[in-house]
Amino acid sequence: MTAGSIAAYIDEARLWSRHVEMAKIGATPAGGVHRLAFTPEDTLSRRLLLGWADARGFQSQIDDLGNIFIRRAGIDADAAPVISGSHIDTQPKGGRFDGIYGILAAFEVLEAMDDAGVKTRRPVEAVVWSAEESGRFDIGCLGSQAFVDPSKLPAIFEKRDGDGTSVRDAVAAMKRGLPKLGQRAFRSPVAYCVEAHIEQGPELEAQGKTIGVVTAIQGQRFFKIEVVGEAGHAGNTPERLRKDAVTATIPIIAGLRKLFHDPADIVRFTIGRIDVVPNAMAVIPGYVMFTIDFRHPDEATLTRLGGQIETVAREHAGPCDVKVTEIRRSKTTYFEGVVPETILAATERLGYSYMHMPSGAGHDCRYLAEMCPTGMIFIPCWKGISHNEAEDATPADVAAGARVLAETLVSLANR
C-alpha cells in the first residue's frame, strides 16, 4: 500500500462493525438476513445509514423510487458526481453481504476521504438502489431501471407483491419512515459509476485471488413454460386417456437439460419455479408452469439456445399442449474503458492479487452502464455461496475491496 494513499484510511474494524450492525436488521436464526424491499426492515436499515451520514455532515437526497444518494461535496459544485453503491434489500432468508457490502464500502470511502482531508474536483456519492432483488415484486433492479429510464416508472409503480401491495404504496410507506431528505431527479448527471460486490460465485476463492476486475454482466433470458393437459380422477382414468401435465413435463425438462448441457460449464440454466394445478394427491395434474433462467456472456449463444426451447418442449409434450413465453431478455453488458482500467490500476498499485472475470449475476450497474462509464469490483465469498443464510466473507477481503474502491473513486473524481 503506497504511503499517503487514500486506501490507508480505510478502517477495516469500522467497516466490519457497520456490517455487523446492518446484519442485525432482519437477522434470521440461521445467521442470514431477511430484508425485503420497502419493508420495515429495509426502512430501518436506511435510517441507520442516514444517521451515520448525518453525523458526518454529508448531504442526502432521495428520488421518487426511494433511491438514496449520500454526497461528499467536491470542489466543483457543478461537476457531475462519481457514484458507488448497491442495494440494502435481500432475497428471502438471504445473506449478510449481498448488496449491502457495496453500500457500506462506498460509505467507508466517504468517511476515509473525510478522515484524510481529501479534496476531489467532483462530488463522490454513496448510493442505495431500491429493490434490486426480485424476492418481493418478481423483478429486480427497479430503482436503477427507473433512475436511468424514468419512462418505466408508471409500470414499475403498478407492480404488486404476493399480498397485492403495489410498488407505489410500498415506496410511500417506506418514505414515511425516513427523515426529510432533499429531492433527487431521475437521470440526473453521473460522471462515473462503480459497484463493489461479493462475487456470488466460487472462482476468486478457488483461484486464491483477492480482487475480481469485472469485464461484463452476462446476458439473460427468462421464460415461462406452460404445459396444459386435462385434470382427471387418479383412480378411474386409464393411461391411454390421460393428459397428465406432470408426466409430460418430466421429459420436457430432461430434453431441455440435454439441450443446455455445456462441457465448458459456461451456460447457466436453471428451472427455479414449478407450479402444479390442481396439486392434489387424487387428481391427475391438468396444468404445470415452470420457469427457465438462462444466462450466457455470448449473445449468439443466447439467441441460438433460447430459440430452441419451444421446439424441444413441443417434441416432448406427448398428448399435452405447450405454451412458451419469454418474460424478459437482457443483453450482455460489457465494462470497458476508463472505469475498469482505473480499477485495475488501483488493484495493481495496492499489490492485491486479481483476475478478470464476468459476472453471472445481474446488478444495478447493468442499467447505469446505459448512461455513464461503469465498472465493478468483486471480492471473494465463502465457497461462492450467496442468496443463502450461509453467505460469508472475511474482514480482510471486505477491507481490500474497499481500498481498491477508494483509490478508484478518488482517481475518477479528479478527472
Protein backbone atom coordinates (compact mmCIF):
# COMPACT_ATOMS: atom_id res chain seq x y z
CA MET A 1 0.00 0.00 0.00
CA THR A 2 1.59 3.32 -1.03
CA ALA A 3 2.39 5.96 1.58
CA GLY A 4 -0.21 8.70 1.73
CA SER A 5 -2.69 6.61 -0.21
CA ILE A 6 -6.40 7.15 0.47
CA ALA A 7 -6.57 3.38 0.86
CA ALA A 8 -4.54 3.74 4.07
CA TYR A 9 -7.51 5.50 5.65
CA ILE A 10 -9.94 2.62 5.10
CA ASP A 11 -10.73 1.41 8.61
CA GLU A 12 -11.19 -2.36 8.49
CA ALA A 13 -12.65 -2.56 12.00
CA ARG A 14 -15.13 0.25 11.36
CA LEU A 15 -16.24 -1.22 8.05
CA TRP A 16 -16.72 -4.65 9.60
CA SER A 17 -18.68 -3.21 12.54
CA ARG A 18 -21.02 -1.48 10.07
CA HIS A 19 -21.73 -4.88 8.52
CA VAL A 20 -22.39 -6.38 11.94
CA GLU A 21 -24.86 -3.60 12.80
CA MET A 22 -26.67 -3.86 9.48
CA ALA A 23 -26.92 -7.65 9.75
CA LYS A 24 -28.93 -7.29 12.96
CA ILE A 25 -31.80 -5.74 10.97
CA GLY A 26 -33.82 -8.63 9.56
CA ALA A 27 -31.47 -11.19 11.13
CA THR A 28 -32.55 -14.82 10.83
CA PRO A 29 -31.88 -17.57 13.40
CA ALA A 30 -29.54 -19.30 10.93
CA GLY A 31 -27.30 -16.24 10.65
CA GLY A 32 -28.68 -14.72 7.46
CA VAL A 33 -30.80 -11.67 6.72
CA HIS A 34 -34.43 -11.42 5.59
CA ARG A 35 -34.91 -7.81 4.46
CA LEU A 36 -37.27 -7.46 1.52
CA ALA A 37 -37.65 -4.27 -0.49
CA PHE A 38 -39.56 -1.38 1.12
CA THR A 39 -40.40 -3.38 4.26
CA PRO A 40 -39.90 -2.00 7.79
CA GLU A 41 -36.52 -3.78 7.85
CA ASP A 42 -35.45 -2.00 4.66
CA THR A 43 -36.62 1.31 6.11
CA LEU A 44 -34.80 0.77 9.41
CA SER A 45 -31.57 -0.06 7.58
CA ARG A 46 -31.83 3.15 5.58
CA ARG A 47 -32.43 5.14 8.76
CA LEU A 48 -29.28 3.63 10.30
CA LEU A 49 -27.20 4.57 7.24
CA LEU A 50 -28.67 8.07 7.08
CA GLY A 51 -27.85 8.55 10.77
CA TRP A 52 -24.19 7.76 10.06
CA ALA A 53 -24.27 10.16 7.11
CA ASP A 54 -25.85 12.93 9.16
CA ALA A 55 -23.18 12.53 11.85
CA ARG A 56 -20.56 13.20 9.15
CA GLY A 57 -22.41 16.18 7.73
CA PHE A 58 -22.95 14.52 4.35
CA GLN A 59 -25.91 15.66 2.25
CA SER A 60 -28.59 13.08 1.45
CA GLN A 61 -31.23 13.04 -1.28
CA ILE A 62 -33.96 10.64 -2.37
CA ASP A 63 -35.80 10.15 -5.66
CA ASP A 64 -39.34 9.04 -6.46
CA LEU A 65 -38.50 5.32 -6.24
CA GLY A 66 -36.61 5.65 -2.96
CA ASN A 67 -33.05 5.56 -4.32
CA ILE A 68 -30.87 7.41 -1.79
CA PHE A 69 -27.77 9.46 -2.65
CA ILE A 70 -25.31 10.41 0.12
CA ARG A 71 -22.92 13.10 -1.11
CA ARG A 72 -19.49 14.26 -0.09
CA ALA A 73 -19.06 17.57 -1.88
CA GLY A 74 -16.37 18.25 -4.43
CA ILE A 75 -14.52 21.46 -5.25
CA ASP A 76 -16.62 21.99 -8.38
CA ALA A 77 -20.23 22.06 -7.19
CA ASP A 78 -21.49 21.86 -10.78
CA ALA A 79 -19.47 18.79 -11.75
CA ALA A 80 -21.33 15.51 -12.24
CA PRO A 81 -20.64 13.13 -9.35
CA VAL A 82 -18.87 9.81 -9.20
CA ILE A 83 -21.31 7.34 -7.63
CA SER A 84 -20.88 3.98 -5.96
CA GLY A 85 -23.34 1.74 -4.19
CA SER A 86 -25.62 -1.26 -4.35
CA HIS A 87 -28.76 -2.47 -2.55
CA ILE A 88 -29.98 -2.96 1.02
CA ASP A 89 -32.78 -5.44 0.25
CA THR A 90 -32.15 -9.19 0.28
CA GLN A 91 -33.70 -12.31 -1.11
CA PRO A 92 -35.94 -14.18 1.37
CA LYS A 93 -33.58 -15.57 4.00
CA GLY A 94 -30.58 -14.19 2.16
CA GLY A 95 -27.07 -13.32 3.29
CA ARG A 96 -25.23 -10.59 5.18
CA PHE A 97 -23.09 -9.25 2.32
CA ASP A 98 -25.03 -9.40 -0.96
CA GLY A 99 -25.75 -5.78 -1.89
CA ILE A 100 -25.11 -4.17 1.48
CA TYR A 101 -21.35 -4.62 1.07
CA GLY A 102 -21.34 -2.28 -1.93
CA ILE A 103 -23.16 0.41 0.05
CA LEU A 104 -21.05 0.13 3.18
CA ALA A 105 -17.81 0.03 1.17
CA ALA A 106 -18.84 3.20 -0.66
CA PHE A 107 -19.81 4.89 2.60
CA GLU A 108 -16.50 3.83 4.16
CA VAL A 109 -14.75 5.56 1.26
CA LEU A 110 -16.61 8.79 2.04
CA GLU A 111 -15.56 8.50 5.68
CA ALA A 112 -11.96 7.71 4.72
CA MET A 113 -11.87 10.75 2.44
CA ASP A 114 -13.12 12.85 5.34
CA ASP A 115 -10.54 11.40 7.72
CA ALA A 116 -7.75 12.02 5.21
CA GLY A 117 -8.94 15.53 4.38
CA VAL A 118 -9.01 14.60 0.70
CA LYS A 119 -10.48 17.10 -1.73
CA THR A 120 -11.78 16.00 -5.12
CA ARG A 121 -12.93 18.00 -8.11
CA ARG A 122 -16.14 16.03 -8.44
CA PRO A 123 -18.57 15.11 -5.68
CA VAL A 124 -18.50 11.46 -4.61
CA GLU A 125 -21.76 9.74 -3.63
CA ALA A 126 -22.71 6.51 -1.90
CA VAL A 127 -25.96 5.21 -3.38
CA VAL A 128 -28.72 2.90 -2.13
CA TRP A 129 -30.52 1.42 -5.12
CA SER A 130 -34.09 0.34 -4.33
CA ALA A 131 -35.48 -3.16 -4.85
CA GLU A 132 -32.56 -4.76 -6.63
CA GLU A 133 -33.69 -8.21 -5.60
CA SER A 134 -36.72 -9.87 -7.15
CA GLY A 135 -37.83 -11.50 -3.91
CA ARG A 136 -40.85 -9.26 -3.32
CA PHE A 137 -42.03 -7.98 -6.70
CA ASP A 138 -40.72 -10.77 -9.01
CA ILE A 139 -38.46 -8.40 -10.95
CA GLY A 140 -35.17 -6.88 -9.90
CA CYS A 141 -33.24 -3.61 -10.21
CA LEU A 142 -36.38 -1.48 -10.02
CA GLY A 143 -34.57 1.55 -8.62
CA SER A 144 -31.71 1.64 -11.09
CA GLN A 145 -34.04 0.94 -14.01
CA ALA A 146 -36.27 3.89 -13.12
CA PHE A 147 -33.32 6.20 -12.47
CA VAL A 148 -31.84 5.51 -15.91
CA ASP A 149 -35.17 5.33 -17.78
CA PRO A 150 -37.93 7.32 -16.00
CA SER A 151 -40.46 6.23 -18.62
CA LYS A 152 -40.54 2.85 -16.82
CA LEU A 153 -41.79 4.38 -13.57
CA PRO A 154 -45.57 4.16 -14.18
CA ALA A 155 -45.36 0.43 -14.96
CA ILE A 156 -42.99 -0.17 -12.05
CA PHE A 157 -45.32 1.63 -9.64
CA GLU A 158 -48.17 -0.73 -10.60
CA LYS A 159 -46.27 -3.95 -9.90
CA ARG A 160 -47.64 -5.84 -6.90
CA ASP A 161 -46.29 -8.31 -4.40
CA GLY A 162 -47.96 -11.57 -3.37
CA ASP A 163 -50.19 -9.72 -0.90
CA GLY A 164 -51.40 -7.24 -3.53
CA THR A 165 -49.37 -4.25 -2.31
CA SER A 166 -48.20 -2.04 -5.18
CA VAL A 167 -44.69 -0.66 -5.51
CA ARG A 168 -46.23 2.82 -5.34
CA ASP A 169 -47.78 2.15 -1.93
CA ALA A 170 -44.71 0.31 -0.65
CA VAL A 171 -42.41 3.22 -1.55
CA ALA A 172 -44.78 5.71 0.07
CA ALA A 173 -44.88 3.66 3.28
CA MET A 174 -41.09 3.48 3.37
CA LYS A 175 -40.68 7.23 2.84
CA ARG A 176 -42.99 7.95 5.76
CA GLY A 177 -40.48 6.12 7.96
CA LEU A 178 -37.48 8.16 6.77
CA PRO A 179 -36.32 11.63 7.81
CA LYS A 180 -36.95 14.54 5.47
CA LEU A 181 -34.47 14.36 2.59
CA GLY A 182 -33.68 16.52 -0.40
CA GLN A 183 -35.24 15.54 -3.71
CA ARG A 184 -33.15 13.93 -6.45
CA ALA A 185 -34.30 13.86 -10.07
CA PHE A 186 -34.21 10.71 -12.16
CA ARG A 187 -31.43 10.64 -14.73
CA SER A 188 -29.55 13.45 -13.01
CA PRO A 189 -25.99 13.68 -14.37
CA VAL A 190 -23.49 10.98 -13.37
CA ALA A 191 -19.85 11.08 -14.47
CA TYR A 192 -18.85 7.54 -13.48
CA CYS A 193 -20.35 4.62 -11.59
CA VAL A 194 -18.54 1.85 -9.69
CA GLU A 195 -20.19 -1.01 -7.79
CA ALA A 196 -18.39 -3.23 -5.28
CA HIS A 197 -19.93 -6.62 -4.58
CA ILE A 198 -19.19 -10.10 -3.32
CA GLU A 199 -18.58 -12.40 -6.27
CA GLN A 200 -21.55 -14.71 -5.52
CA GLY A 201 -19.53 -17.46 -7.15
CA PRO A 202 -16.52 -19.65 -6.29
CA GLU A 203 -13.82 -18.53 -8.72
CA LEU A 204 -11.93 -15.91 -6.69
CA GLU A 205 -11.69 -18.19 -3.67
CA ALA A 206 -10.74 -21.19 -5.81
CA GLN A 207 -8.01 -19.24 -7.61
CA GLY A 208 -6.73 -17.61 -4.43
CA LYS A 209 -7.37 -14.09 -5.75
CA THR A 210 -8.42 -11.08 -3.66
CA ILE A 211 -10.00 -8.85 -6.32
CA GLY A 212 -12.15 -9.54 -9.34
CA VAL A 213 -11.97 -6.90 -12.07
CA VAL A 214 -15.35 -7.43 -13.71
CA THR A 215 -15.37 -7.45 -17.50
CA ALA A 216 -19.10 -7.89 -18.16
CA ILE A 217 -22.51 -8.87 -16.82
CA GLN A 218 -23.64 -11.83 -18.88
CA GLY A 219 -26.86 -11.74 -20.85
CA GLN A 220 -30.04 -13.30 -19.51
CA ARG A 221 -33.24 -14.77 -20.96
CA PHE A 222 -36.20 -15.72 -18.76
CA PHE A 223 -39.02 -17.96 -19.96
CA LYS A 224 -42.33 -19.26 -18.65
CA ILE A 225 -43.30 -22.73 -19.91
CA GLU A 226 -46.94 -23.82 -19.57
CA VAL A 227 -47.88 -27.47 -20.08
CA VAL A 228 -51.63 -27.87 -20.49
CA GLY A 229 -53.20 -31.28 -20.08
CA GLU A 230 -56.51 -32.37 -18.56
CA ALA A 231 -57.32 -32.96 -14.90
CA GLY A 232 -58.96 -36.28 -14.12
CA HIS A 233 -59.65 -38.87 -11.46
CA ALA A 234 -56.45 -40.64 -10.38
CA GLY A 235 -58.23 -43.92 -9.75
CA ASN A 236 -60.54 -44.22 -12.75
CA THR A 237 -58.77 -42.66 -15.73
CA PRO A 238 -56.85 -45.26 -17.81
CA GLU A 239 -53.36 -44.46 -19.07
CA ARG A 240 -54.46 -44.32 -22.73
CA LEU A 241 -56.87 -41.45 -21.98
CA ARG A 242 -54.67 -39.40 -19.70
CA LYS A 243 -53.28 -35.95 -20.49
CA ASP A 244 -51.06 -35.76 -17.41
CA ALA A 245 -49.21 -32.42 -17.39
CA VAL A 246 -46.60 -33.62 -14.88
CA THR A 247 -45.84 -36.76 -16.87
CA ALA A 248 -45.35 -34.54 -19.95
CA THR A 249 -43.22 -32.02 -18.04
CA ILE A 250 -40.64 -34.59 -16.94
CA PRO A 251 -39.37 -35.43 -20.47
CA ILE A 252 -39.59 -31.77 -21.46
CA ILE A 253 -37.22 -30.85 -18.63
CA ALA A 254 -34.94 -33.78 -19.49
CA GLY A 255 -34.82 -32.61 -23.11
CA LEU A 256 -34.02 -29.06 -22.08
CA ARG A 257 -31.26 -30.25 -19.75
CA LYS A 258 -29.72 -32.10 -22.70
CA LEU A 259 -30.05 -29.00 -24.92
CA PHE A 260 -28.33 -26.75 -22.40
CA HIS A 261 -25.58 -29.15 -21.36
CA ASP A 262 -22.27 -27.35 -21.81
CA PRO A 263 -18.94 -29.25 -21.42
CA ALA A 264 -17.19 -25.89 -20.90
CA ASP A 265 -19.57 -25.12 -18.00
CA ILE A 266 -20.28 -21.57 -19.18
CA VAL A 267 -24.04 -21.94 -19.76
CA ARG A 268 -26.19 -21.24 -16.72
CA PHE A 269 -29.58 -22.97 -16.96
CA THR A 270 -31.99 -23.04 -14.03
CA ILE A 271 -35.58 -24.18 -13.55
CA GLY A 272 -36.36 -22.15 -10.47
CA ARG A 273 -40.13 -22.47 -10.05
CA ILE A 274 -42.64 -25.23 -10.75
CA ASP A 275 -46.38 -24.86 -10.15
CA VAL A 276 -48.77 -27.81 -10.47
CA VAL A 277 -52.57 -27.45 -10.75
CA PRO A 278 -54.67 -28.65 -9.01
CA ASN A 279 -51.80 -30.05 -6.89
CA ALA A 280 -53.96 -32.68 -5.20
CA MET A 281 -53.00 -36.28 -4.43
CA ALA A 282 -56.01 -37.95 -6.07
CA VAL A 283 -56.19 -35.74 -9.19
CA ILE A 284 -54.26 -36.11 -12.44
CA PRO A 285 -52.43 -32.79 -12.88
CA GLY A 286 -54.05 -30.75 -15.63
CA TYR A 287 -51.54 -27.89 -15.73
CA VAL A 288 -47.88 -27.28 -14.99
CA MET A 289 -45.99 -23.99 -15.19
CA PHE A 290 -42.24 -23.78 -14.79
CA THR A 291 -39.68 -21.03 -15.31
CA ILE A 292 -36.32 -21.01 -17.07
CA ASP A 293 -33.44 -18.70 -16.14
CA PHE A 294 -30.84 -18.94 -18.92
CA ARG A 295 -27.60 -16.92 -18.87
CA HIS A 296 -24.51 -16.72 -21.07
CA PRO A 297 -21.99 -13.97 -21.91
CA ASP A 298 -22.23 -14.56 -25.67
CA GLU A 299 -25.23 -13.04 -27.46
CA ALA A 300 -25.14 -15.57 -30.31
CA THR A 301 -25.36 -18.43 -27.80
CA LEU A 302 -28.25 -16.75 -26.00
CA THR A 303 -30.10 -16.46 -29.30
CA ARG A 304 -29.28 -19.95 -30.56
CA LEU A 305 -30.17 -21.94 -27.43
CA GLY A 306 -33.07 -19.76 -26.37
CA GLY A 307 -34.57 -20.16 -29.81
CA GLN A 308 -34.71 -23.96 -29.43
CA ILE A 309 -36.66 -24.07 -26.17
CA GLU A 310 -40.10 -24.16 -27.75
CA THR A 311 -39.12 -26.84 -30.27
CA VAL A 312 -37.74 -29.13 -27.55
CA ALA A 313 -40.77 -28.55 -25.33
CA ARG A 314 -43.25 -29.47 -28.08
CA GLU A 315 -41.26 -32.54 -29.14
CA HIS A 316 -41.56 -33.99 -25.62
CA ALA A 317 -45.05 -32.85 -24.62
CA GLY A 318 -46.87 -36.03 -25.66
CA PRO A 319 -50.68 -35.51 -25.64
CA CYS A 320 -50.39 -32.15 -23.84
CA ASP A 321 -50.21 -28.65 -25.26
CA VAL A 322 -47.30 -26.32 -24.58
CA LYS A 323 -47.03 -22.54 -24.46
CA VAL A 324 -43.62 -20.84 -24.23
CA THR A 325 -43.45 -17.17 -23.23
CA GLU A 326 -40.26 -15.15 -22.97
CA ILE A 327 -40.66 -12.95 -19.90
CA ARG A 328 -37.53 -10.84 -20.17
CA ARG A 329 -34.25 -10.56 -22.04
CA SER A 330 -31.15 -8.58 -21.08
CA LYS A 331 -28.17 -8.31 -23.38
CA THR A 332 -24.63 -8.77 -22.13
CA THR A 333 -23.25 -5.56 -20.61
CA TYR A 334 -19.55 -5.04 -21.21
CA PHE A 335 -17.37 -2.96 -18.87
CA GLU A 336 -14.65 -1.29 -20.93
CA GLY A 337 -12.62 1.89 -20.87
CA VAL A 338 -11.66 4.25 -18.08
CA VAL A 339 -13.54 2.70 -15.15
CA PRO A 340 -12.24 -0.89 -15.33
CA GLU A 341 -8.83 0.50 -16.30
CA THR A 342 -8.83 2.65 -13.15
CA ILE A 343 -9.94 -0.33 -11.03
CA LEU A 344 -7.11 -2.43 -12.45
CA ALA A 345 -4.53 0.32 -11.87
CA ALA A 346 -5.68 0.72 -8.26
CA THR A 347 -5.53 -3.04 -7.67
CA GLU A 348 -2.00 -3.30 -9.06
CA ARG A 349 -0.84 -0.22 -7.15
CA LEU A 350 -2.07 -1.73 -3.90
CA GLY A 351 -0.46 -5.06 -4.68
CA TYR A 352 -3.55 -7.26 -4.49
CA SER A 353 -3.85 -10.47 -6.48
CA TYR A 354 -6.63 -10.29 -9.05
CA MET A 355 -8.31 -11.84 -12.04
CA HIS A 356 -10.52 -10.55 -14.83
CA MET A 357 -13.95 -12.16 -14.76
CA PRO A 358 -17.54 -11.75 -15.95
CA SER A 359 -20.47 -11.55 -13.57
CA GLY A 360 -23.00 -14.33 -13.77
CA ALA A 361 -25.47 -12.35 -11.66
CA GLY A 362 -27.31 -9.20 -12.68
CA HIS A 363 -26.54 -5.94 -10.89
CA ASP A 364 -27.69 -2.33 -10.86
CA CYS A 365 -24.55 -1.42 -12.82
CA ARG A 366 -26.13 -3.13 -15.82
CA TYR A 367 -28.52 -0.19 -16.11
CA LEU A 368 -26.12 2.59 -15.10
CA ALA A 369 -23.87 1.49 -17.96
CA GLU A 370 -26.55 2.85 -20.30
CA MET A 371 -25.84 6.43 -19.18
CA CYS A 372 -22.22 6.62 -17.95
CA PRO A 373 -18.89 4.74 -17.87
CA THR A 374 -19.29 1.94 -15.34
CA GLY A 375 -17.38 -0.89 -13.72
CA MET A 376 -17.48 -3.42 -10.88
CA ILE A 377 -15.16 -4.76 -8.20
CA PHE A 378 -15.65 -8.28 -6.81
CA ILE A 379 -14.31 -9.76 -3.58
CA PRO A 380 -14.41 -13.47 -2.66
CA CYS A 381 -17.24 -15.05 -0.73
CA TRP A 382 -17.02 -18.33 1.15
CA LYS A 383 -17.45 -21.31 -1.21
CA GLY A 384 -19.23 -18.96 -3.63
CA ILE A 385 -22.42 -19.27 -1.58
CA SER A 386 -24.92 -16.41 -1.97
CA HIS A 387 -28.69 -15.84 -1.74
CA ASN A 388 -28.30 -18.11 1.27
CA GLU A 389 -28.08 -17.60 5.03
CA ALA A 390 -24.61 -19.21 4.99
CA GLU A 391 -23.21 -16.40 2.79
CA ASP A 392 -19.92 -15.15 4.27
CA ALA A 393 -16.83 -13.03 3.63
CA THR A 394 -13.71 -12.16 5.62
CA PRO A 395 -12.93 -8.77 7.19
CA ALA A 396 -9.65 -8.68 5.24
CA ASP A 397 -11.35 -9.19 1.86
CA VAL A 398 -14.10 -6.71 2.74
CA ALA A 399 -11.45 -4.10 3.52
CA ALA A 400 -9.35 -4.94 0.45
CA GLY A 401 -12.27 -4.30 -1.87
CA ALA A 402 -12.99 -1.01 -0.11
CA ARG A 403 -9.36 0.08 -0.53
CA VAL A 404 -9.45 -0.61 -4.26
CA LEU A 405 -12.78 1.21 -4.42
CA ALA A 406 -11.35 4.20 -2.53
CA GLU A 407 -8.39 4.56 -4.89
CA THR A 408 -10.71 4.17 -7.89
CA LEU A 409 -13.31 6.72 -6.76
CA VAL A 410 -10.78 9.39 -5.82
CA SER A 411 -8.96 8.95 -9.12
CA LEU A 412 -12.19 9.22 -11.12
CA ALA A 413 -13.39 12.17 -9.03
CA ASN A 414 -10.30 14.14 -10.01
CA ARG A 415 -10.65 13.55 -13.76
